[in-house]
Amino acid sequence: MHTADTDESYDVLATDPLTGHHVKIQVKTIRQRMDRGGDLVVYAKKGNGTTYDRADADYIVGVWAVDGETPRVFMFENRMLGEYWASEARASERWIELPISLNRVTVAEATNVPA
């Protein structure tokens, strides 16, 4: 069993390096509901069954991992719902898909560290 080291309800605190603006991100698993035509769903509730409000998280990130495939990661604004749904075909339209591949040349150029 996992035990949290802190009391914060978010998983990631991201900071814009230019503005210093912070956003709170809650990470959840995306499940594919075969009984619902293969739709994707993110169950966005805390351990006590309540939804995340704005003080808890600004954004929800869903991770969809299928055996043998590269995981897909989607982000969307927290609208204080318990469930977020999208068809597999429309997930990239409804949610922002975040690439998880790393281009070492781009990172090296941005950080002045050899690739």
Protein backbone atom coordinates (compact mmCIF):
# COMPACT_ATOMS: atom_id res chain seq x y z
CA MET A 1 0.00 0.00 0.00
CA HIS A 2 1.25 3.50 -0.83
CA THR A 3 1.25 6.20 1.80
CA ALA A 4 1.60 9.87 0.89
CA ASP A 5 4.50 11.80 2.41
CA THR A 6 2.57 15.09 2.29
CA ASP A 7 -1.02 16.24 2.77
CA GLU A 8 -1.31 17.99 -0.62
CA SER A 9 -4.02 16.62 -2.89
CA TYR A 10 -2.04 17.28 -6.09
CA ASP A 11 0.69 15.03 -7.49
CA VAL A 12 2.75 17.61 -9.40
CA LEU A 13 3.37 21.30 -8.83
CA ALA A 14 4.52 22.77 -12.15
CA THR A 15 6.14 26.19 -12.45
CA ASP A 16 6.43 28.30 -15.60
CA PRO A 17 10.15 29.19 -15.69
CA LEU A 18 9.45 32.57 -17.29
CA THR A 19 6.59 33.83 -15.15
CA GLY A 20 6.98 31.80 -11.97
CA HIS A 21 3.25 30.93 -12.16
CA HIS A 22 2.42 27.62 -10.43
CA VAL A 23 -0.27 25.09 -11.36
CA LYS A 24 -1.33 22.00 -9.42
CA ILE A 25 -1.73 18.77 -11.36
CA GLN A 26 -3.46 15.58 -10.29
CA VAL A 27 -2.40 12.42 -12.19
CA LYS A 28 -4.90 9.63 -12.79
CA THR A 29 -5.11 6.41 -14.81
CA ILE A 30 -7.24 6.37 -17.97
CA ARG A 31 -9.39 3.28 -18.22
CA GLN A 32 -10.98 1.97 -21.40
CA ARG A 33 -14.59 0.90 -20.84
CA MET A 34 -15.34 -1.90 -23.28
CA ASP A 35 -18.88 -2.03 -21.89
CA ARG A 36 -19.26 1.60 -23.09
CA GLY A 37 -18.08 1.15 -26.68
CA GLY A 38 -14.39 1.43 -25.79
CA ASP A 39 -14.70 4.97 -24.42
CA LEU A 40 -11.88 6.29 -22.27
CA VAL A 41 -12.65 7.50 -18.76
CA VAL A 42 -10.66 9.23 -16.05
CA TYR A 43 -12.13 8.78 -12.58
CA ALA A 44 -11.14 12.01 -10.83
CA LYS A 45 -12.07 11.50 -7.22
CA LYS A 46 -10.06 11.66 -4.04
CA GLY A 47 -9.69 8.69 -1.73
CA ASN A 48 -12.72 9.86 0.25
CA GLY A 49 -14.90 9.84 -2.90
CA THR A 50 -15.16 13.61 -3.38
CA THR A 51 -14.14 15.46 -6.53
CA TYR A 52 -11.10 17.69 -6.79
CA ASP A 53 -11.94 21.38 -6.45
CA ARG A 54 -9.80 24.26 -7.72
CA ALA A 55 -7.86 24.46 -4.47
CA ASP A 56 -6.88 20.80 -4.96
CA ALA A 57 -5.83 20.79 -8.64
CA ASP A 58 -5.87 23.12 -11.62
CA TYR A 59 -5.41 20.31 -14.16
CA ILE A 60 -5.96 16.59 -14.41
CA VAL A 61 -3.45 14.44 -16.29
CA GLY A 62 -4.62 11.03 -17.46
CA VAL A 63 -2.20 8.25 -18.41
CA TRP A 64 -3.42 5.51 -20.72
CA ALA A 65 -1.13 2.49 -20.77
CA VAL A 66 -1.90 -0.51 -22.99
CA ASP A 67 0.36 -3.56 -22.76
CA GLY A 68 3.08 -3.47 -25.41
CA GLU A 69 2.37 0.12 -26.51
CA THR A 70 3.88 3.48 -25.63
CA PRO A 71 1.66 5.10 -23.00
CA ARG A 72 -0.41 8.12 -24.03
CA VAL A 73 -0.73 11.10 -21.72
CA PHE A 74 -3.58 13.63 -21.82
CA MET A 75 -4.14 16.82 -19.84
CA PHE A 76 -7.30 18.85 -19.29
CA GLU A 77 -8.59 21.55 -17.00
CA ASN A 78 -10.13 20.47 -13.73
CA ARG A 79 -13.85 21.17 -14.11
CA MET A 80 -14.58 19.61 -10.71
CA LEU A 81 -16.22 16.53 -12.23
CA GLY A 82 -15.93 13.00 -10.90
CA GLU A 83 -15.49 11.49 -14.36
CA TYR A 84 -14.07 12.74 -17.67
CA TRP A 85 -15.02 10.81 -20.81
CA ALA A 86 -13.82 10.74 -24.42
CA SER A 87 -13.99 8.26 -27.25
CA GLU A 88 -10.62 6.91 -28.31
CA ALA A 89 -11.07 8.61 -31.70
CA ARG A 90 -11.81 12.03 -30.15
CA ALA A 91 -9.50 11.96 -27.11
CA SER A 92 -6.88 14.12 -28.86
CA GLU A 93 -9.59 16.65 -29.77
CA ARG A 94 -11.20 16.86 -26.33
CA TRP A 95 -8.03 16.66 -24.26
CA ILE A 96 -4.49 17.97 -24.83
CA GLU A 97 -2.20 15.06 -25.68
CA LEU A 98 1.27 15.45 -24.19
CA PRO A 99 4.13 13.80 -26.07
CA ILE A 100 6.33 11.68 -23.84
CA SER A 101 9.19 11.15 -26.25
CA LEU A 102 12.40 12.99 -25.49
CA ASN A 103 14.36 14.69 -28.25
CA ARG A 104 17.85 14.77 -26.74
CA VAL A 105 19.14 17.29 -29.31
CA THR A 106 16.41 19.80 -28.46
CA VAL A 107 17.00 19.37 -24.74
CA ALA A 108 20.77 19.71 -25.19
CA GLU A 109 20.35 22.92 -27.20
CA ALA A 110 17.97 24.38 -24.63
CA THR A 111 20.18 23.53 -21.65
CA ASN A 112 23.64 23.85 -23.25
CA VAL A 113 24.42 20.26 -22.20
CA PRO A 114 25.90 17.85 -24.78
CA ALA A 115 23.38 15.31 -26.16
